[in-house]
Amino acid sequence: MMFHSVKCIQKLRLNYNSSLINKLKYSSKPSLQLGFNPKICIVGSGPAALYTAQYLLKNLNSNNIRIDVFEKLPVPFGLVRYGVAPDHQDVKNVINSFTETLKNKQVNFFGNVSIGTDLKISELLDAYNSVVLAYGSMGDNYLNIPGEKEFSNVISARDIVSMYNGLPNSEKLNIDLSGQQAVIIGAGNVAIDVARMLVSPVDKLAQTDISEFALDLFKTKNKIEHVSIVARRGVLNAAFTLKELRELTKLESVECRLDAENFSDINLDKLLAKLARPRKRITEFLYNLSKQSKSSSPKKVIELKFLKTPLEILGNDSKQVTGVKFKNNKYDFDFKNLNANFDSDEKLNSIPIVEDKGKNVELMSCSLLVKSIGYKNVNIDSEIPFDKKLGVVLNDKGKVIGKEGLYCTGWIKRGPRGVIVDTTSDAYETAQKLYADLASIKLVKPGAAKISEILRERNVRFVDKNGWDRIDQAEIKRGKEIGKPREKLASIDEMLKVALEH
């Protein structure tokens, strides 16, 4: 069973590579002369979409290029807006660059348009010279163990992230924080985010763009005092970043714990010399954390637990979750006699993990169980060549196989994993493919004129750049009134009212 946390939003993490971003935006390569004005469509408005747009604008700007960005929500920016934790405003600042891109006179925005429903891929291909799929993941992975769908308060991390970020309709999430213990299955950055949000001081969260619903929930009903973050693999395979872990250990009135037993079979001094620097630093940090003395009565506790696989979710007669059974694992490797280097995560992940039959099944009690085991891509249109097993669009370096004029980038291209550097690299690679193919195309396409006509005929209330700007200004104004960077509009109806009824 695959049991790993999202590395995404490891989530658009602060591995922000400014030199690569500048390469996308300010390539020194001369602008290609095409002899016609290309019309490009991008499906999605998150980082993968907008980095692709930035590259194309720079390298095709002398051709009066037109780029139309389509988004199923009335507002752009995808996981930067709805995935990055509210207390990570520094990461969300990349929105400033994306806003600049959307305001370019050669770029149109079509918000509140669902591709696959309001418009078909074939219609986009008819209207544009090139179509780039850059939409993110819309589904969850499952544990596939007994009790997963039987009890209440067994919730995906994606739903909790959506709730505290104010995704429309997320306030309907049925979550109970009245108990004291929470277990998070998965140990990536998303798991760390959720744990941090559950125990962070509310007065700190009130200064972020956390949703009004979530802030009220955390302020009035959150009784969580102990959070266990549980991973199937060991400390050498921790999927979170050092920055995230360090931030967790500095939380006010929160003690972060790790049992020293995690290092008992590891020749640490010898191993550290064989690790790549990033993995060495996080392993040293975890080791030092395991050596720290534990307070007798901390206010709140976050506990990191490794080498445990969930077997069954338990609940009471009222169908409320009460705990999880885990089997214990161990590394099937002799760390006392190290010869080979482990200078990559791939090599560390190749070390076998087997059941530790010398230990009994472990029961962790909890009143809230969060599944942070990854996202799942879905196909939005049957016309798209899609590999259901891998969860990706079939492609060759971003060019969709067997579908002329169709491209892909981001998670839908490589799977829901990676940090922002991977997103920029993807965008660069895909844009280069598209860029080269356009040189052999001379066909004039109608672009936005045709699509706007279709949408109006179908009574689709789409939001343009001016409408998005009205939403943006309304949110900033509302936030300023209560000491927040912005207060997001909570529903699509409310967004459409602000954007269209003026």
Protein backbone atom coordinates (compact mmCIF):
# COMPACT_ATOMS: atom_id res chain seq x y z
CA MET A 1 0.00 0.00 0.00
CA MET A 2 1.31 3.40 -0.91
CA PHE A 3 1.60 5.43 2.28
CA HIS A 4 3.33 8.72 1.83
CA SER A 5 2.43 12.32 2.36
CA VAL A 6 1.98 14.94 -0.27
CA LYS A 7 5.23 16.62 -1.19
CA CYS A 8 3.51 19.38 -2.69
CA ILE A 9 1.96 22.17 -1.69
CA GLN A 10 4.75 20.10 -0.79
CA LYS A 11 2.86 22.08 -1.66
CA LEU A 12 4.57 25.02 -3.39
CA ARG A 13 6.94 25.14 -0.51
CA LEU A 14 9.49 27.87 0.10
CA ASN A 15 12.05 26.13 -2.08
CA TYR A 16 11.49 29.20 -4.24
CA ASN A 17 14.26 29.27 -6.85
CA SER A 18 14.42 32.91 -7.94
CA SER A 19 17.06 32.32 -10.61
CA LEU A 20 14.91 29.72 -12.31
CA ILE A 21 11.84 31.93 -12.04
CA ASN A 22 13.79 34.74 -13.68
CA LYS A 23 14.87 32.34 -16.39
CA LEU A 24 11.21 31.74 -17.15
CA LYS A 25 10.28 35.41 -17.12
CA TYR A 26 13.37 36.99 -18.59
CA SER A 27 14.89 34.48 -20.97
CA SER A 28 17.54 36.10 -23.15
CA LYS A 29 16.51 33.95 -26.11
CA PRO A 30 15.27 36.19 -28.96
CA SER A 31 11.54 36.19 -29.48
CA LEU A 32 10.51 33.76 -32.21
CA GLN A 33 9.04 35.33 -35.36
CA LEU A 34 6.04 33.23 -36.38
CA GLY A 35 4.39 35.27 -39.10
CA PHE A 36 1.01 35.05 -37.38
CA ASN A 37 -0.59 35.87 -34.02
CA PRO A 38 -0.84 32.67 -31.94
CA LYS A 39 -3.82 32.04 -29.66
CA ILE A 40 -2.92 29.97 -26.60
CA CYS A 41 -5.31 28.49 -24.03
CA ILE A 42 -4.20 27.43 -20.54
CA VAL A 43 -6.54 25.30 -18.42
CA GLY A 44 -5.86 26.14 -14.79
CA SER A 45 -4.53 29.27 -13.08
CA GLY A 46 -2.07 28.01 -10.48
CA PRO A 47 1.75 28.17 -10.56
CA ALA A 48 2.18 25.64 -13.39
CA ALA A 49 -0.24 27.60 -15.56
CA LEU A 50 1.12 31.05 -14.87
CA TYR A 51 4.80 30.16 -15.10
CA THR A 52 4.03 28.70 -18.52
CA ALA A 53 2.24 31.93 -19.45
CA GLN A 54 5.23 34.00 -18.28
CA TYR A 55 7.64 32.04 -20.45
CA LEU A 56 5.41 32.26 -23.53
CA LEU A 57 4.81 35.97 -23.09
CA LYS A 58 8.52 36.65 -23.02
CA ASN A 59 9.46 34.45 -25.94
CA LEU A 60 6.52 35.15 -28.23
CA ASN A 61 5.80 38.78 -27.36
CA SER A 62 6.72 40.13 -30.80
CA ASN A 63 3.92 38.05 -32.36
CA ASN A 64 1.04 39.74 -30.54
CA ILE A 65 0.40 36.48 -28.71
CA ARG A 66 -2.91 36.06 -26.88
CA ILE A 67 -3.15 33.79 -23.85
CA ASP A 68 -6.52 32.87 -22.33
CA VAL A 69 -6.40 31.38 -18.82
CA PHE A 70 -9.39 29.26 -17.78
CA GLU A 71 -10.25 28.52 -14.14
CA LYS A 72 -13.23 26.60 -12.75
CA LEU A 73 -13.44 28.98 -9.77
CA PRO A 74 -14.19 32.70 -10.17
CA VAL A 75 -10.72 33.49 -8.77
CA PRO A 76 -7.20 32.51 -9.92
CA PHE A 77 -4.00 31.14 -8.32
CA GLY A 78 -5.03 27.59 -7.39
CA LEU A 79 -3.06 26.04 -4.55
CA VAL A 80 -1.19 29.24 -3.77
CA ARG A 81 -4.53 30.72 -2.73
CA TYR A 82 -6.21 27.59 -1.37
CA GLY A 83 -3.35 25.23 -0.48
CA VAL A 84 -0.55 27.20 1.17
CA ALA A 85 -1.19 27.55 4.91
CA PRO A 86 -2.54 30.95 6.04
CA ASP A 87 0.43 31.51 8.35
CA HIS A 88 2.81 31.21 5.38
CA GLN A 89 2.11 34.59 3.84
CA ASP A 90 5.70 34.79 2.59
CA VAL A 91 5.02 31.84 0.28
CA LYS A 92 1.76 33.40 -0.88
CA ASN A 93 3.63 36.52 -1.97
CA VAL A 94 4.31 34.79 -5.30
CA ILE A 95 0.74 35.84 -6.09
CA ASN A 96 2.14 39.33 -6.74
CA SER A 97 4.12 37.99 -9.71
CA PHE A 98 1.12 36.03 -10.96
CA THR A 99 -1.14 39.08 -10.69
CA GLU A 100 1.31 40.99 -12.87
CA THR A 101 1.07 38.21 -15.46
CA LEU A 102 -2.74 38.20 -15.47
CA LYS A 103 -2.83 41.98 -15.84
CA ASN A 104 -0.76 41.80 -19.02
CA LYS A 105 -2.87 43.18 -21.87
CA GLN A 106 -2.13 40.05 -23.90
CA VAL A 107 -3.70 37.78 -21.27
CA ASN A 108 -7.41 37.11 -20.73
CA PHE A 109 -8.96 35.44 -17.68
CA PHE A 110 -12.03 33.22 -17.85
CA GLY A 111 -13.08 32.39 -14.29
CA ASN A 112 -16.04 30.22 -13.25
CA VAL A 113 -15.64 28.07 -16.38
CA SER A 114 -15.44 24.30 -15.94
CA ILE A 115 -13.55 22.57 -18.75
CA GLY A 116 -15.16 19.24 -19.52
CA THR A 117 -18.58 20.59 -18.56
CA ASP A 118 -19.01 24.17 -19.79
CA LEU A 119 -16.51 23.65 -22.59
CA LYS A 120 -15.04 20.54 -24.17
CA ILE A 121 -11.36 20.06 -24.98
CA SER A 122 -12.28 19.65 -28.66
CA GLU A 123 -13.87 23.11 -28.63
CA LEU A 124 -10.72 24.61 -27.15
CA LEU A 125 -8.54 22.89 -29.75
CA ASP A 126 -10.77 24.28 -32.49
CA ALA A 127 -10.46 27.81 -31.12
CA TYR A 128 -6.74 27.90 -30.21
CA ASN A 129 -3.43 27.05 -31.80
CA SER A 130 -2.30 25.37 -28.58
CA VAL A 131 -4.05 24.21 -25.39
CA VAL A 132 -2.07 23.63 -22.18
CA LEU A 133 -3.57 21.50 -19.40
CA ALA A 134 -2.33 22.87 -16.08
CA TYR A 135 -5.10 21.96 -13.67
CA GLY A 136 -4.22 20.36 -10.35
CA SER A 137 -5.40 17.35 -8.37
CA MET A 138 -9.03 17.06 -7.40
CA GLY A 139 -9.17 13.73 -5.56
CA ASP A 140 -7.72 11.96 -2.53
CA ASN A 141 -5.79 8.76 -2.03
CA TYR A 142 -7.26 6.19 0.34
CA LEU A 143 -5.77 4.00 3.04
CA ASN A 144 -8.01 1.08 2.00
CA ILE A 145 -8.24 -0.32 5.51
CA PRO A 146 -11.27 -1.36 7.61
CA GLY A 147 -13.18 1.52 9.19
CA GLU A 148 -11.96 4.21 6.78
CA LYS A 149 -15.44 5.03 5.49
CA GLU A 150 -17.39 3.85 8.51
CA PHE A 151 -16.75 6.47 11.18
CA SER A 152 -17.14 10.22 11.44
CA ASN A 153 -14.20 12.60 11.93
CA VAL A 154 -11.99 10.59 9.57
CA ILE A 155 -11.05 13.46 7.28
CA SER A 156 -8.60 14.07 4.44
CA ALA A 157 -5.92 16.71 4.90
CA ARG A 158 -7.06 18.25 1.63
CA ASP A 159 -10.50 18.98 3.11
CA ILE A 160 -9.02 20.58 6.23
CA VAL A 161 -6.58 22.67 4.17
CA SER A 162 -9.48 23.81 1.99
CA MET A 163 -11.50 24.71 5.08
CA TYR A 164 -8.92 26.91 6.75
CA ASN A 165 -8.05 28.53 3.40
CA GLY A 166 -11.67 29.39 2.63
CA LEU A 167 -12.31 27.31 -0.49
CA PRO A 168 -15.98 27.82 -1.42
CA ASN A 169 -18.28 25.27 0.28
CA SER A 170 -15.47 24.08 2.58
CA GLU A 171 -17.33 25.57 5.55
CA LYS A 172 -19.69 22.61 5.20
CA LEU A 173 -16.94 20.27 6.39
CA ASN A 174 -18.24 18.14 9.25
CA ILE A 175 -15.28 18.27 11.63
CA ASP A 176 -15.36 17.88 15.42
CA LEU A 177 -12.45 19.38 17.39
CA SER A 178 -13.97 18.82 20.82
CA GLY A 179 -11.66 15.89 21.67
CA GLN A 180 -8.09 16.22 22.91
CA GLN A 181 -6.22 13.78 20.66
CA ALA A 182 -5.65 13.85 16.90
CA VAL A 183 -3.73 11.42 14.70
CA ILE A 184 -2.39 12.44 11.29
CA ILE A 185 -1.43 9.60 8.99
CA GLY A 186 1.32 10.80 6.67
CA ALA A 187 4.40 12.86 7.42
CA GLY A 188 4.92 15.36 4.63
CA ASN A 189 4.67 19.14 4.69
CA VAL A 190 0.89 19.03 4.43
CA ALA A 191 0.71 16.89 7.57
CA ILE A 192 3.01 19.34 9.34
CA ASP A 193 0.81 22.24 8.20
CA VAL A 194 -2.36 20.65 9.55
CA ALA A 195 -0.72 19.77 12.87
CA ARG A 196 0.62 23.30 13.25
CA MET A 197 -2.75 24.87 12.46
CA LEU A 198 -4.49 22.64 15.03
CA VAL A 199 -2.27 23.80 17.90
CA SER A 200 -1.22 27.33 16.87
CA PRO A 201 -2.26 30.28 19.06
CA VAL A 202 -5.49 31.69 17.67
CA ASP A 203 -4.33 35.29 18.05
CA LYS A 204 -1.50 34.56 15.59
CA LEU A 205 -3.86 32.95 13.09
CA ALA A 206 -6.19 35.95 13.33
CA GLN A 207 -3.51 38.05 11.60
CA THR A 208 -3.46 35.80 8.51
CA ASP A 209 -5.94 35.23 5.69
CA ILE A 210 -7.44 32.19 7.44
CA SER A 211 -11.13 31.81 6.66
CA GLU A 212 -13.62 33.39 9.04
CA PHE A 213 -15.29 30.01 9.55
CA ALA A 214 -12.03 28.25 10.47
CA LEU A 215 -10.89 31.04 12.77
CA ASP A 216 -14.16 30.90 14.68
CA LEU A 217 -13.93 27.10 14.84
CA PHE A 218 -10.38 27.16 16.22
CA LYS A 219 -11.25 29.96 18.64
CA THR A 220 -14.42 28.50 20.15
CA LYS A 221 -14.41 24.73 19.64
CA ASN A 222 -10.82 23.50 19.27
CA LYS A 223 -9.80 21.37 22.27
CA ILE A 224 -7.00 19.43 20.55
CA GLU A 225 -3.96 19.17 22.83
CA HIS A 226 -2.04 16.20 21.46
CA VAL A 227 -1.27 15.51 17.79
CA SER A 228 0.54 12.39 16.56
CA ILE A 229 2.07 12.55 13.07
CA VAL A 230 2.58 8.98 11.89
CA ALA A 231 4.71 7.68 8.99
CA ARG A 232 5.09 4.19 7.56
CA ARG A 233 8.77 4.62 6.81
CA GLY A 234 11.55 5.69 9.18
CA VAL A 235 13.31 8.87 10.23
CA LEU A 236 15.69 8.63 7.27
CA ASN A 237 12.73 8.98 4.91
CA ALA A 238 10.96 11.93 6.52
CA ALA A 239 9.06 13.68 3.72
CA PHE A 240 8.76 17.09 5.35
CA THR A 241 11.35 19.83 4.94
CA LEU A 242 13.70 21.11 7.62
CA LYS A 243 12.08 24.54 7.52
CA GLU A 244 8.68 23.02 8.29
CA LEU A 245 10.05 20.86 11.09
CA ARG A 246 12.00 23.71 12.68
CA GLU A 247 8.91 25.90 12.59
CA LEU A 248 6.95 23.17 14.37
CA THR A 249 9.47 23.03 17.22
CA LYS A 250 9.24 26.78 17.79
CA LEU A 251 5.49 26.96 18.33
CA GLU A 252 4.45 28.83 21.45
CA SER A 253 3.38 26.53 24.33
CA VAL A 254 3.83 23.41 22.19
CA GLU A 255 6.32 20.62 22.80
CA CYS A 256 7.54 18.60 19.81
CA ARG A 257 8.59 15.04 20.64
CA LEU A 258 10.43 12.17 18.97
CA ASP A 259 11.37 8.89 20.67
CA ALA A 260 15.13 8.23 20.75
CA GLU A 261 14.41 4.59 19.86
CA ASN A 262 14.12 5.71 16.23
CA PHE A 263 17.93 5.95 16.11
CA SER A 264 18.80 2.92 18.24
CA ASP A 265 19.79 0.68 15.29
CA ILE A 266 21.50 3.39 13.25
CA ASN A 267 25.23 4.12 13.27
CA LEU A 268 24.50 7.82 13.00
CA ASP A 269 28.03 9.20 12.80
CA LYS A 270 28.95 6.87 9.95
CA LEU A 271 25.60 7.35 8.20
CA LEU A 272 25.68 11.16 8.28
CA ALA A 273 28.89 11.17 6.29
CA LYS A 274 27.12 9.28 3.51
CA LEU A 275 24.02 11.47 3.24
CA ALA A 276 23.41 14.39 0.92
CA ARG A 277 23.55 17.72 2.77
CA PRO A 278 19.77 18.41 2.92
CA ARG A 279 19.04 14.92 4.26
CA LYS A 280 21.98 15.13 6.65
CA ARG A 281 20.67 18.38 8.15
CA ILE A 282 17.15 17.10 8.72
CA THR A 283 18.44 13.80 10.16
CA GLU A 284 20.70 15.67 12.59
CA PHE A 285 17.81 17.88 13.60
CA LEU A 286 15.57 14.88 14.25
CA TYR A 287 18.30 13.18 16.26
CA ASN A 288 18.81 16.25 18.44
CA LEU A 289 15.04 16.49 18.89
CA SER A 290 14.94 12.88 20.10
CA LYS A 291 17.52 13.71 22.79
CA GLN A 292 15.57 16.60 24.28
CA SER A 293 14.04 16.08 27.70
CA LYS A 294 10.27 15.99 27.87
CA SER A 295 8.28 18.42 29.97
CA SER A 296 6.16 16.88 32.70
CA SER A 297 3.14 19.00 31.84
CA PRO A 298 3.35 20.76 28.46
CA LYS A 299 0.31 22.69 27.34
CA LYS A 300 0.19 20.97 23.95
CA VAL A 301 2.20 18.16 22.31
CA ILE A 302 3.06 17.23 18.73
CA GLU A 303 4.60 13.78 18.53
CA LEU A 304 6.43 12.39 15.49
CA LYS A 305 6.07 8.63 15.07
CA PHE A 306 7.85 6.59 12.40
CA LEU A 307 7.79 2.99 11.13
CA LYS A 308 4.09 2.37 11.66
CA THR A 309 1.49 1.15 9.15
CA PRO A 310 -2.24 1.66 9.85
CA LEU A 311 -4.23 -1.57 9.98
CA GLU A 312 -7.72 -0.60 11.11
CA ILE A 313 -9.71 2.46 12.15
CA LEU A 314 -11.82 1.97 15.25
CA GLY A 315 -14.97 3.71 16.43
CA ASN A 316 -17.79 3.57 18.95
CA ASP A 317 -21.47 2.69 18.70
CA SER A 318 -22.22 6.28 17.70
CA LYS A 319 -19.99 5.80 14.62
CA GLN A 320 -17.39 8.27 15.91
CA VAL A 321 -13.71 7.49 15.44
CA THR A 322 -11.92 6.46 18.64
CA GLY A 323 -8.53 5.25 17.46
CA VAL A 324 -6.28 3.50 14.96
CA LYS A 325 -4.44 0.20 15.09
CA PHE A 326 -0.89 0.21 13.71
CA LYS A 327 1.61 -2.53 13.05
CA ASN A 328 5.24 -1.68 13.75
CA ASN A 329 7.89 -1.77 11.05
CA LYS A 330 11.66 -1.78 10.90
CA TYR A 331 14.41 -1.19 8.39
CA ASP A 332 15.57 -4.46 6.83
CA PHE A 333 19.14 -3.24 6.67
CA ASP A 334 22.33 -3.36 8.72
CA PHE A 335 23.20 0.24 9.52
CA LYS A 336 26.19 -0.83 11.60
CA ASN A 337 28.18 -1.80 8.51
CA LEU A 338 27.73 0.93 5.95
CA ASN A 339 29.61 0.81 2.68
CA ALA A 340 27.49 2.49 0.01
CA ASN A 341 26.64 6.19 -0.07
CA PHE A 342 23.03 7.25 0.40
CA ASP A 343 23.41 10.57 -1.36
CA SER A 344 19.84 10.73 -2.66
CA ASP A 345 16.35 10.20 -1.29
CA GLU A 346 15.82 7.57 -3.97
CA LYS A 347 18.60 5.47 -2.49
CA LEU A 348 17.28 5.91 1.04
CA ASN A 349 13.77 5.00 -0.09
CA SER A 350 15.14 1.79 -1.63
CA ILE A 351 16.04 0.49 1.83
CA PRO A 352 13.43 -2.22 2.56
CA ILE A 353 10.84 -1.73 5.29
CA VAL A 354 9.41 -4.90 6.84
CA GLU A 355 7.04 -5.68 9.71
CA ASP A 356 8.68 -5.81 13.13
CA LYS A 357 7.11 -9.02 14.41
CA GLY A 358 8.85 -8.60 17.75
CA LYS A 359 6.46 -5.78 18.63
CA ASN A 360 2.75 -5.93 19.31
CA VAL A 361 0.09 -4.10 17.35
CA GLU A 362 -0.17 -0.55 18.70
CA LEU A 363 -3.43 1.29 19.37
CA MET A 364 -3.43 5.09 19.19
CA SER A 365 -6.51 6.73 20.62
CA CYS A 366 -7.93 9.77 18.87
CA SER A 367 -11.12 11.73 18.35
CA LEU A 368 -9.90 13.15 15.03
CA LEU A 369 -8.10 11.18 12.31
CA VAL A 370 -6.55 13.08 9.39
CA LYS A 371 -5.36 11.30 6.25
CA SER A 372 -2.43 13.12 4.63
CA ILE A 373 -1.36 10.45 2.15
CA GLY A 374 -1.39 12.31 -1.12
CA TYR A 375 -3.68 13.72 -3.76
CA LYS A 376 -5.03 12.01 -6.86
CA ASN A 377 -5.31 13.44 -10.37
CA VAL A 378 -8.53 13.00 -12.32
CA ASN A 379 -9.40 13.25 -16.00
CA ILE A 380 -11.70 16.19 -16.72
CA ASP A 381 -12.58 15.21 -20.30
CA SER A 382 -12.77 11.79 -21.96
CA GLU A 383 -10.98 13.24 -25.01
CA ILE A 384 -7.75 13.61 -22.99
CA PRO A 385 -5.34 10.62 -23.20
CA PHE A 386 -5.10 9.75 -19.50
CA ASP A 387 -3.28 7.00 -17.62
CA LYS A 388 -5.62 6.07 -14.75
CA LYS A 389 -3.03 3.93 -12.99
CA LEU A 390 -0.35 6.63 -12.91
CA GLY A 391 -2.89 9.45 -12.70
CA VAL A 392 -1.24 11.57 -15.39
CA VAL A 393 -1.95 12.79 -18.90
CA LEU A 394 0.05 10.72 -21.38
CA ASN A 395 2.79 13.02 -22.58
CA ASP A 396 6.28 13.37 -23.96
CA LYS A 397 8.00 16.20 -22.08
CA GLY A 398 4.73 18.08 -21.87
CA LYS A 399 3.35 17.33 -25.34
CA VAL A 400 0.24 15.17 -25.05
CA ILE A 401 0.62 11.95 -26.98
CA GLY A 402 -1.80 11.43 -29.83
CA LYS A 403 -3.50 14.84 -29.54
CA GLU A 404 -2.06 17.52 -31.79
CA GLY A 405 -2.01 20.97 -30.23
CA LEU A 406 -2.53 19.69 -26.69
CA TYR A 407 0.10 20.06 -23.93
CA CYS A 408 0.30 19.60 -20.17
CA THR A 409 2.33 20.85 -17.23
CA GLY A 410 2.45 20.59 -13.43
CA TRP A 411 0.82 17.83 -11.42
CA ILE A 412 -1.36 16.60 -14.28
CA LYS A 413 1.89 16.04 -16.22
CA ARG A 414 4.09 14.37 -13.59
CA GLY A 415 1.74 13.43 -10.74
CA PRO A 416 0.84 15.32 -7.53
CA ARG A 417 4.28 15.72 -6.02
CA GLY A 418 7.21 18.09 -5.94
CA VAL A 419 7.99 21.61 -4.83
CA ILE A 420 7.87 24.92 -6.64
CA VAL A 421 11.18 24.28 -8.42
CA ASP A 422 9.62 21.24 -10.08
CA THR A 423 6.67 23.38 -11.16
CA THR A 424 8.88 25.97 -12.82
CA SER A 425 10.98 23.29 -14.51
CA ASP A 426 7.82 21.64 -15.83
CA ALA A 427 6.53 24.93 -17.18
CA TYR A 428 9.85 25.64 -18.89
CA GLU A 429 9.97 22.21 -20.54
CA THR A 430 6.36 22.29 -21.73
CA ALA A 431 6.61 25.86 -23.00
CA GLN A 432 9.70 24.94 -25.01
CA LYS A 433 7.81 22.08 -26.67
CA LEU A 434 4.90 24.36 -27.51
CA TYR A 435 7.25 27.14 -28.61
CA ALA A 436 9.03 24.85 -31.08
CA ASP A 437 5.79 23.39 -32.50
CA LEU A 438 4.32 26.83 -33.20
CA ALA A 439 7.08 27.49 -35.72
CA SER A 440 5.48 24.97 -38.10
CA ILE A 441 1.92 26.29 -37.65
CA LYS A 442 0.41 29.04 -39.79
CA LEU A 443 -3.27 28.50 -39.03
CA VAL A 444 -5.20 31.51 -37.75
CA LYS A 445 -7.57 30.64 -34.89
CA PRO A 446 -10.44 32.71 -33.41
CA GLY A 447 -9.44 32.30 -29.73
CA ALA A 448 -11.38 34.27 -27.12
CA ALA A 449 -13.89 35.71 -29.57
CA LYS A 450 -15.28 32.27 -30.39
CA ILE A 451 -15.13 30.94 -26.83
CA SER A 452 -16.87 34.00 -25.37
CA GLU A 453 -19.67 33.52 -27.89
CA ILE A 454 -20.10 29.85 -26.90
CA LEU A 455 -20.14 30.65 -23.18
CA ARG A 456 -22.79 33.34 -23.62
CA GLU A 457 -24.93 31.00 -25.70
CA ARG A 458 -24.74 28.48 -22.84
CA ASN A 459 -25.47 31.13 -20.20
CA VAL A 460 -22.17 30.53 -18.42
CA ARG A 461 -21.48 33.48 -16.09
CA PHE A 462 -17.75 33.80 -16.58
CA VAL A 463 -15.50 36.24 -14.70
CA ASP A 464 -12.96 38.31 -16.62
CA LYS A 465 -9.92 40.21 -15.32
CA ASN A 466 -12.00 43.19 -14.29
CA GLY A 467 -14.35 40.94 -12.35
CA TRP A 468 -11.44 39.25 -10.60
CA ASP A 469 -10.00 42.66 -9.74
CA ARG A 470 -13.29 43.65 -8.09
CA ILE A 471 -13.19 40.46 -6.01
CA ASP A 472 -9.56 41.09 -5.10
CA GLN A 473 -10.21 44.66 -3.97
CA ALA A 474 -13.30 43.64 -1.99
CA GLU A 475 -11.36 40.94 -0.14
CA ILE A 476 -8.45 43.25 0.66
CA LYS A 477 -10.84 45.91 1.94
CA ARG A 478 -12.68 43.43 4.15
CA GLY A 479 -9.40 42.13 5.52
CA LYS A 480 -8.06 45.58 6.29
CA GLU A 481 -11.12 46.33 8.40
CA ILE A 482 -10.32 43.42 10.74
CA GLY A 483 -6.50 43.48 10.67
CA LYS A 484 -5.96 40.72 8.10
CA PRO A 485 -4.21 40.78 4.70
CA ARG A 486 -7.52 39.79 3.12
CA GLU A 487 -10.85 38.24 4.04
CA LYS A 488 -11.79 35.85 1.23
CA LEU A 489 -15.31 35.77 -0.13
CA ALA A 490 -16.75 32.51 1.15
CA SER A 491 -19.04 31.39 -1.67
CA ILE A 492 -19.11 31.33 -5.45
CA ASP A 493 -22.44 33.18 -5.44
CA GLU A 494 -20.89 35.97 -3.37
CA MET A 495 -17.90 36.13 -5.71
CA LEU A 496 -20.10 36.33 -8.79
CA LYS A 497 -22.20 39.04 -7.23
CA VAL A 498 -19.14 41.20 -6.59
CA ALA A 499 -17.55 40.41 -9.97
CA LEU A 500 -20.56 40.73 -12.24
CA GLU A 501 -23.21 42.87 -10.56
CA HIS A 502 -21.62 46.30 -10.59
